[in-house]
């Protein structure tokens, strides 16, 4: 698998976006927690603390910064 180092920041972004969503999808939440546990051998406890009481709008600046620094993802562009 190419660029496996990008998995953690991508999973982190997805977890935080889903967590701060008013209509949090519990199935997505379970899958992400499973991925953190099985793939990264970690949990989401600290991420949960970082997201509690925040909205998606509050957290997107930090998520975009994380993705810009740790991945080649560029928001709004198609990366094929």
PDB file of N, CA and C in Angstrom:
ATOM      1  N   UNK A   1       0.847  -1.182   0.000  1.00  0.00           N
ATOM      2  CA  UNK A   1       0.000   0.000   0.000  1.00  0.00           C
ATOM      3  C   UNK A   1       0.889   1.240   0.000  1.00  0.00           C
ATOM      4  N   UNK A   2       0.600   2.140  -0.888  1.00  0.00           N
ATOM      5  CA  UNK A   2       1.425   3.329  -1.030  1.00  0.00           C
ATOM      6  C   UNK A   2       0.926   4.433  -0.095  1.00  0.00           C
ATOM      7  N   UNK A   3       1.844   5.204   0.439  1.00  0.00           N
ATOM      8  CA  UNK A   3       1.547   6.341   1.314  1.00  0.00           C
ATOM      9  C   UNK A   3       0.759   5.954   2.563  1.00  0.00           C
ATOM     10  N   UNK A   4       1.141   4.855   3.160  1.00  0.00           N
ATOM     11  CA  UNK A   4       0.447   4.374   4.355  1.00  0.00           C
ATOM     12  C   UNK A   4       0.593   5.353   5.526  1.00  0.00           C
ATOM     13  N   UNK A   5       1.609   6.187   5.500  1.00  0.00           N
ATOM     14  CA  UNK A   5       1.807   7.156   6.580  1.00  0.00           C
ATOM     15  C   UNK A   5       0.682   8.186   6.653  1.00  0.00           C
ATOM     16  N   UNK A   6      -0.104   8.290   5.584  1.00  0.00           N
ATOM     17  CA  UNK A   6      -1.205   9.242   5.554  1.00  0.00           C
ATOM     18  C   UNK A   6      -2.476   8.709   6.217  1.00  0.00           C
ATOM     19  N   UNK A   7      -2.480   7.453   6.593  1.00  0.00           N
ATOM     20  CA  UNK A   7      -3.696   6.856   7.158  1.00  0.00           C
ATOM     21  C   UNK A   7      -4.116   7.548   8.454  1.00  0.00           C
ATOM     22  N   UNK A   8      -3.185   7.777   9.365  1.00  0.00           N
ATOM     23  CA  UNK A   8      -3.555   8.358  10.665  1.00  0.00           C
ATOM     24  C   UNK A   8      -4.165   9.754  10.525  1.00  0.00           C
ATOM     25  N   UNK A   9      -3.549  10.688   9.795  1.00  0.00           N
ATOM     26  CA  UNK A   9      -4.192  12.006   9.684  1.00  0.00           C
ATOM     27  C   UNK A   9      -5.533  11.952   8.966  1.00  0.00           C
ATOM     28  N   UNK A  10      -5.674  11.061   7.991  1.00  0.00           N
ATOM     29  CA  UNK A  10      -6.955  10.951   7.287  1.00  0.00           C
ATOM     30  C   UNK A  10      -8.023  10.396   8.211  1.00  0.00           C
ATOM     31  N   UNK A  11      -7.718   9.331   8.945  1.00  0.00           N
ATOM     32  CA  UNK A  11      -8.675   8.777   9.905  1.00  0.00           C
ATOM     33  C   UNK A  11      -9.005   9.794  10.998  1.00  0.00           C
ATOM     34  N   UNK A  12      -8.010  10.556  11.428  1.00  0.00           N
ATOM     35  CA  UNK A  12      -8.228  11.589  12.438  1.00  0.00           C
ATOM     36  C   UNK A  12      -9.208  12.644  11.928  1.00  0.00           C
ATOM     37  N   UNK A  13      -9.006  13.096  10.705  1.00  0.00           N
ATOM     38  CA  UNK A  13      -9.906  14.095  10.120  1.00  0.00           C
ATOM     39  C   UNK A  13     -11.328  13.557  10.030  1.00  0.00           C
ATOM     40  N   UNK A  14     -11.472  12.337   9.550  1.00  0.00           N
ATOM     41  CA  UNK A  14     -12.803  11.739   9.431  1.00  0.00           C
ATOM     42  C   UNK A  14     -13.466  11.578  10.793  1.00  0.00           C
ATOM     43  N   UNK A  15     -12.710  11.137  11.792  1.00  0.00           N
ATOM     44  CA  UNK A  15     -13.265  10.958  13.133  1.00  0.00           C
ATOM     45  C   UNK A  15     -13.757  12.294  13.691  1.00  0.00           C
ATOM     46  N   UNK A  16     -12.930  13.327  13.572  1.00  0.00           N
ATOM     47  CA  UNK A  16     -13.298  14.635  14.125  1.00  0.00           C
ATOM     48  C   UNK A  16     -14.491  15.247  13.398  1.00  0.00           C
ATOM     49  N   UNK A  17     -14.515  15.144  12.091  1.00  0.00           N
ATOM     50  CA  UNK A  17     -15.648  15.683  11.340  1.00  0.00           C
ATOM     51  C   UNK A  17     -16.926  14.953  11.737  1.00  0.00           C
ATOM     52  N   UNK A  18     -16.870  13.631  11.810  1.00  0.00           N
ATOM     53  CA  UNK A  18     -18.061  12.869  12.199  1.00  0.00           C
ATOM     54  C   UNK A  18     -18.464  13.186  13.637  1.00  0.00           C
ATOM     55  N   UNK A  19     -17.495  13.334  14.525  1.00  0.00           N
ATOM     56  CA  UNK A  19     -17.794  13.589  15.939  1.00  0.00           C
ATOM     57  C   UNK A  19     -18.494  14.928  16.125  1.00  0.00           C
ATOM     58  N   UNK A  20     -18.059  15.933  15.381  1.00  0.00           N
ATOM     59  CA  UNK A  20     -18.623  17.269  15.565  1.00  0.00           C
ATOM     60  C   UNK A  20     -19.908  17.480  14.770  1.00  0.00           C
ATOM     61  N   UNK A  21     -20.268  16.531  13.955  1.00  0.00           N
ATOM     62  CA  UNK A  21     -21.493  16.620  13.162  1.00  0.00           C
ATOM     63  C   UNK A  21     -22.701  16.435  14.074  1.00  0.00           C
ATOM     64  N   UNK A  22     -23.697  17.297  13.928  1.00  0.00           N
ATOM     65  CA  UNK A  22     -24.905  17.177  14.744  1.00  0.00           C
ATOM     66  C   UNK A  22     -25.582  15.825  14.555  1.00  0.00           C
ATOM     67  N   UNK A  23     -25.471  15.279  13.373  1.00  0.00           N
ATOM     68  CA  UNK A  23     -26.071  13.986  13.072  1.00  0.00           C
ATOM     69  C   UNK A  23     -24.995  12.912  12.989  1.00  0.00           C
ATOM     70  N   UNK A  24     -24.184  12.813  14.030  1.00  0.00           N
ATOM     71  CA  UNK A  24     -23.072  11.862  14.055  1.00  0.00           C
ATOM     72  C   UNK A  24     -23.553  10.472  13.667  1.00  0.00           C
ATOM     73  N   UNK A  25     -22.857   9.867  12.726  1.00  0.00           N
ATOM     74  CA  UNK A  25     -23.198   8.528  12.261  1.00  0.00           C
ATOM     75  C   UNK A  25     -22.489   7.509  13.156  1.00  0.00           C
ATOM     76  N   UNK A  26     -23.257   6.747  13.908  1.00  0.00           N
ATOM     77  CA  UNK A  26     -22.683   5.781  14.855  1.00  0.00           C
ATOM     78  C   UNK A  26     -21.974   4.637  14.148  1.00  0.00           C
ATOM     79  N   UNK A  27     -22.429   4.257  12.960  1.00  0.00           N
ATOM     80  CA  UNK A  27     -21.743   3.200  12.213  1.00  0.00           C
ATOM     81  C   UNK A  27     -20.359   3.664  11.776  1.00  0.00           C
ATOM     82  N   UNK A  28     -20.266   4.895  11.282  1.00  0.00           N
ATOM     83  CA  UNK A  28     -18.963   5.456  10.915  1.00  0.00           C
ATOM     84  C   UNK A  28     -18.077   5.539  12.150  1.00  0.00           C
ATOM     85  N   UNK A  29     -18.639   5.974  13.269  1.00  0.00           N
ATOM     86  CA  UNK A  29     -17.895   6.078  14.518  1.00  0.00           C
ATOM     87  C   UNK A  29     -17.303   4.725  14.917  1.00  0.00           C
ATOM     88  N   UNK A  30     -18.095   3.673  14.841  1.00  0.00           N
ATOM     89  CA  UNK A  30     -17.624   2.328  15.211  1.00  0.00           C
ATOM     90  C   UNK A  30     -16.515   1.853  14.275  1.00  0.00           C
ATOM     91  N   UNK A  31     -16.688   2.093  12.976  1.00  0.00           N
ATOM     92  CA  UNK A  31     -15.672   1.676  12.006  1.00  0.00           C
ATOM     93  C   UNK A  31     -14.364   2.426  12.226  1.00  0.00           C
ATOM     94  N   UNK A  32     -14.447   3.730  12.483  1.00  0.00           N
ATOM     95  CA  UNK A  32     -13.233   4.512  12.725  1.00  0.00           C
ATOM     96  C   UNK A  32     -12.530   4.071  14.001  1.00  0.00           C
ATOM     97  N   UNK A  33     -13.283   3.817  15.058  1.00  0.00           N
ATOM     98  CA  UNK A  33     -12.674   3.327  16.298  1.00  0.00           C
ATOM     99  C   UNK A  33     -11.994   1.985  16.069  1.00  0.00           C
ATOM    100  N   UNK A  34     -12.636   1.123  15.299  1.00  0.00           N
ATOM    101  CA  UNK A  34     -12.052  -0.172  14.960  1.00  0.00           C
ATOM    102  C   UNK A  34     -10.747   0.018  14.186  1.00  0.00           C
ATOM    103  N   UNK A  35     -10.748   0.933  13.201  1.00  0.00           N
ATOM    104  CA  UNK A  35      -9.550   1.185  12.400  1.00  0.00           C
ATOM    105  C   UNK A  35      -8.409   1.714  13.264  1.00  0.00           C
ATOM    106  N   UNK A  36      -8.705   2.647  14.163  1.00  0.00           N
ATOM    107  CA  UNK A  36      -7.660   3.153  15.053  1.00  0.00           C
ATOM    108  C   UNK A  36      -7.078   2.023  15.891  1.00  0.00           C
ATOM    109  N   UNK A  37      -7.942   1.165  16.393  1.00  0.00           N
ATOM    110  CA  UNK A  37      -7.500   0.069  17.245  1.00  0.00           C
ATOM    111  C   UNK A  37      -6.699  -0.966  16.459  1.00  0.00           C
ATOM    112  N   UNK A  38      -7.231  -1.453  15.352  1.00  0.00           N
ATOM    113  CA  UNK A  38      -6.617  -2.545  14.613  1.00  0.00           C
ATOM    114  C   UNK A  38      -5.441  -2.119  13.742  1.00  0.00           C
ATOM    115  N   UNK A  39      -5.578  -1.000  13.055  1.00  0.00           N
ATOM    116  CA  UNK A  39      -4.535  -0.581  12.116  1.00  0.00           C
ATOM    117  C   UNK A  39      -3.433   0.199  12.814  1.00  0.00           C
ATOM    118  N   UNK A  40      -3.818   1.091  13.717  1.00  0.00           N
ATOM    119  CA  UNK A  40      -2.845   1.989  14.338  1.00  0.00           C
ATOM    120  C   UNK A  40      -2.477   1.597  15.756  1.00  0.00           C
ATOM    121  N   UNK A  41      -3.144   0.575  16.305  1.00  0.00           N
ATOM    122  CA  UNK A  41      -2.897   0.115  17.666  1.00  0.00           C
ATOM    123  C   UNK A  41      -3.005   1.275  18.666  1.00  0.00           C
ATOM    124  N   UNK A  42      -4.065   2.086  18.500  1.00  0.00           N
ATOM    125  CA  UNK A  42      -4.320   3.209  19.397  1.00  0.00           C
ATOM    126  C   UNK A  42      -5.826   3.351  19.570  1.00  0.00           C
ATOM    127  N   UNK A  43      -6.233   4.359  20.332  1.00  0.00           N
ATOM    128  CA  UNK A  43      -7.669   4.585  20.512  1.00  0.00           C
ATOM    129  C   UNK A  43      -7.986   6.054  20.224  1.00  0.00           C
ATOM    130  N   UNK A  44      -9.256   6.399  20.375  1.00  0.00           N
ATOM    131  CA  UNK A  44      -9.714   7.740  20.019  1.00  0.00           C
ATOM    132  C   UNK A  44      -9.978   8.623  21.235  1.00  0.00           C
ATOM    133  N   UNK A  45      -9.525   8.225  22.404  1.00  0.00           N
ATOM    134  CA  UNK A  45      -9.833   8.976  23.624  1.00  0.00           C
ATOM    135  C   UNK A  45      -9.366  10.431  23.566  1.00  0.00           C
ATOM    136  N   UNK A  46      -8.129  10.668  23.159  1.00  0.00           N
ATOM    137  CA  UNK A  46      -7.625  12.042  23.098  1.00  0.00           C
ATOM    138  C   UNK A  46      -8.315  12.849  21.993  1.00  0.00           C
ATOM    139  N   UNK A  47      -8.624  12.190  20.890  1.00  0.00           N
ATOM    140  CA  UNK A  47      -9.367  12.881  19.828  1.00  0.00           C
ATOM    141  C   UNK A  47     -10.738  13.303  20.324  1.00  0.00           C
ATOM    142  N   UNK A  48     -11.383  12.425  21.063  1.00  0.00           N
ATOM    143  CA  UNK A  48     -12.700  12.750  21.605  1.00  0.00           C
ATOM    144  C   UNK A  48     -12.617  13.981  22.487  1.00  0.00           C
ATOM    145  N   UNK A  49     -11.610  14.026  23.356  1.00  0.00           N
ATOM    146  CA  UNK A  49     -11.439  15.189  24.237  1.00  0.00           C
ATOM    147  C   UNK A  49     -11.196  16.465  23.438  1.00  0.00           C
ATOM    148  N   UNK A  50     -10.459  16.355  22.344  1.00  0.00           N
ATOM    149  CA  UNK A  50     -10.168  17.533  21.520  1.00  0.00           C
ATOM    150  C   UNK A  50     -11.400  18.032  20.773  1.00  0.00           C
ATOM    151  N   UNK A  51     -12.375  17.156  20.581  1.00  0.00           N
ATOM    152  CA  UNK A  51     -13.554  17.508  19.783  1.00  0.00           C
ATOM    153  C   UNK A  51     -14.779  17.886  20.618  1.00  0.00           C
ATOM    154  N   UNK A  52     -14.787  17.524  21.878  1.00  0.00           N
ATOM    155  CA  UNK A  52     -15.969  17.757  22.718  1.00  0.00           C
ATOM    156  C   UNK A  52     -16.296  19.248  22.770  1.00  0.00           C
ATOM    157  N   UNK A  53     -17.561  19.569  22.543  1.00  0.00           N
ATOM    158  CA  UNK A  53     -18.034  20.947  22.642  1.00  0.00           C
ATOM    159  C   UNK A  53     -17.706  21.820  21.453  1.00  0.00           C
ATOM    160  N   UNK A  54     -17.165  21.234  20.400  1.00  0.00           N
ATOM    161  CA  UNK A  54     -16.797  22.018  19.220  1.00  0.00           C
ATOM    162  C   UNK A  54     -17.697  21.677  18.052  1.00  0.00           C
ATOM    163  N   UNK A  55     -17.811  22.624  17.149  1.00  0.00           N
ATOM    164  CA  UNK A  55     -18.583  22.393  15.932  1.00  0.00           C
ATOM    165  C   UNK A  55     -17.620  22.075  14.791  1.00  0.00           C
ATOM    166  N   UNK A  56     -18.187  21.601  13.703  1.00  0.00           N
ATOM    167  CA  UNK A  56     -17.364  21.306  12.528  1.00  0.00           C
ATOM    168  C   UNK A  56     -16.638  22.569  12.067  1.00  0.00           C
ATOM    169  N   UNK A  57     -17.339  23.683  12.072  1.00  0.00           N
ATOM    170  CA  UNK A  57     -16.728  24.944  11.649  1.00  0.00           C
ATOM    171  C   UNK A  57     -15.543  25.319  12.542  1.00  0.00           C
ATOM    172  N   UNK A  58     -15.665  25.044  13.846  1.00  0.00           N
ATOM    173  CA  UNK A  58     -14.579  25.335  14.793  1.00  0.00           C
ATOM    174  C   UNK A  58     -13.326  24.524  14.496  1.00  0.00           C
ATOM    175  N   UNK A  59     -13.502  23.302  14.069  1.00  0.00           N
ATOM    176  CA  UNK A  59     -12.385  22.367  13.991  1.00  0.00           C
ATOM    177  C   UNK A  59     -11.768  22.246  12.593  1.00  0.00           C
ATOM    178  N   UNK A  60     -12.451  22.738  11.577  1.00  0.00           N
ATOM    179  CA  UNK A  60     -11.978  22.552  10.204  1.00  0.00           C
ATOM    180  C   UNK A  60     -10.631  23.219   9.921  1.00  0.00           C
ATOM    181  N   UNK A  61     -10.333  24.334  10.544  1.00  0.00           N
ATOM    182  CA  UNK A  61      -9.028  24.977  10.325  1.00  0.00           C
ATOM    183  C   UNK A  61      -7.903  24.041  10.773  1.00  0.00           C
ATOM    184  N   UNK A  62      -8.077  23.429  11.935  1.00  0.00           N
ATOM    185  CA  UNK A  62      -7.063  22.503  12.439  1.00  0.00           C
ATOM    186  C   UNK A  62      -6.983  21.242  11.582  1.00  0.00           C
ATOM    187  N   UNK A  63      -8.121  20.754  11.135  1.00  0.00           N
ATOM    188  CA  UNK A  63      -8.127  19.562  10.287  1.00  0.00           C
ATOM    189  C   UNK A  63      -7.418  19.852   8.971  1.00  0.00           C
ATOM    190  N   UNK A  64      -7.723  20.986   8.364  1.00  0.00           N
ATOM    191  CA  UNK A  64      -7.061  21.348   7.103  1.00  0.00           C
ATOM    192  C   UNK A  64      -5.559  21.509   7.292  1.00  0.00           C
ATOM    193  N   UNK A  65      -5.146  22.067   8.427  1.00  0.00           N
ATOM    194  CA  UNK A  65      -3.722  22.206   8.707  1.00  0.00           C
ATOM    195  C   UNK A  65      -3.071  20.833   8.862  1.00  0.00           C
ATOM    196  N   UNK A  66      -3.719  19.938   9.598  1.00  0.00           N
ATOM    197  CA  UNK A  66      -3.210  18.574   9.773  1.00  0.00           C
ATOM    198  C   UNK A  66      -3.054  17.875   8.426  1.00  0.00           C
ATOM    199  N   UNK A  67      -4.071  17.964   7.594  1.00  0.00           N
ATOM    200  CA  UNK A  67      -4.014  17.318   6.289  1.00  0.00           C
ATOM    201  C   UNK A  67      -2.947  17.945   5.398  1.00  0.00           C
ATOM    202  N   UNK A  68      -2.794  19.264   5.454  1.00  0.00           N
ATOM    203  CA  UNK A  68      -1.779  19.946   4.642  1.00  0.00           C
ATOM    204  C   UNK A  68      -0.366  19.547   5.065  1.00  0.00           C
ATOM    205  N   UNK A  69      -0.149  19.373   6.363  1.00  0.00           N
ATOM    206  CA  UNK A  69       1.186  19.058   6.868  1.00  0.00           C
ATOM    207  C   UNK A  69       1.548  17.581   6.718  1.00  0.00           C
ATOM    208  N   UNK A  70       0.558  16.695   6.847  1.00  0.00           N
ATOM    209  CA  UNK A  70       0.863  15.268   6.924  1.00  0.00           C
ATOM    210  C   UNK A  70       0.388  14.449   5.732  1.00  0.00           C
ATOM    211  N   UNK A  71      -0.260  15.088   4.766  1.00  0.00           N
ATOM    212  CA  UNK A  71      -0.718  14.372   3.577  1.00  0.00           C
ATOM    213  C   UNK A  71      -0.520  15.254   2.358  1.00  0.00           C
ATOM    214  N   UNK A  72      -0.834  14.703   1.225  1.00  0.00           N
ATOM    215  CA  UNK A  72      -0.796  15.498  -0.007  1.00  0.00           C
ATOM    216  C   UNK A  72      -2.196  15.917  -0.423  1.00  0.00           C
ATOM    217  N   UNK A  73      -3.169  15.746   0.495  1.00  0.00           N
ATOM    218  CA  UNK A  73      -4.542  16.148   0.224  1.00  0.00           C
ATOM    219  C   UNK A  73      -4.626  17.660   0.145  1.00  0.00           C
ATOM    220  N   UNK A  74      -5.323  18.128  -0.852  1.00  0.00           N
ATOM    221  CA  UNK A  74      -5.576  19.563  -1.006  1.00  0.00           C
ATOM    222  C   UNK A  74      -7.075  19.716  -1.087  1.00  0.00           C
ATOM    223  N   UNK A  75      -7.689  20.276  -0.049  1.00  0.00           N
ATOM    224  CA  UNK A  75      -9.131  20.415   0.013  1.00  0.00           C
ATOM    225  C   UNK A  75      -9.708  21.085  -1.213  1.00  0.00           C
ATOM    226  N   UNK A  76     -10.816  20.529  -1.696  1.00  0.00           N
ATOM    227  CA  UNK A  76     -11.497  21.117  -2.827  1.00  0.00           C
ATOM    228  C   UNK A  76     -10.968  20.697  -4.189  1.00  0.00           C
ATOM    229  N   UNK A  77      -9.842  20.006  -4.225  1.00  0.00           N
ATOM    230  CA  UNK A  77      -9.274  19.549  -5.498  1.00  0.00           C
ATOM    231  C   UNK A  77      -9.470  18.055  -5.637  1.00  0.00           C
ATOM    232  N   UNK A  78      -9.614  17.602  -6.848  1.00  0.00           N
ATOM    233  CA  UNK A  78      -9.690  16.179  -7.120  1.00  0.00           C
ATOM    234  C   UNK A  78      -8.274  15.625  -7.136  1.00  0.00           C
ATOM    235  N   UNK A  79      -8.039  14.595  -6.362  1.00  0.00           N
ATOM    236  CA  UNK A  79      -6.736  13.932  -6.333  1.00  0.00           C
ATOM    237  C   UNK A  79      -6.909  12.531  -6.896  1.00  0.00           C
ATOM    238  N   UNK A  80      -6.684  12.365  -8.173  1.00  0.00           N
ATOM    239  CA  UNK A  80      -6.839  11.038  -8.780  1.00  0.00           C
ATOM    240  C   UNK A  80      -5.541  10.323  -8.900  1.00  0.00           C
TER     241      UNK A  80
END
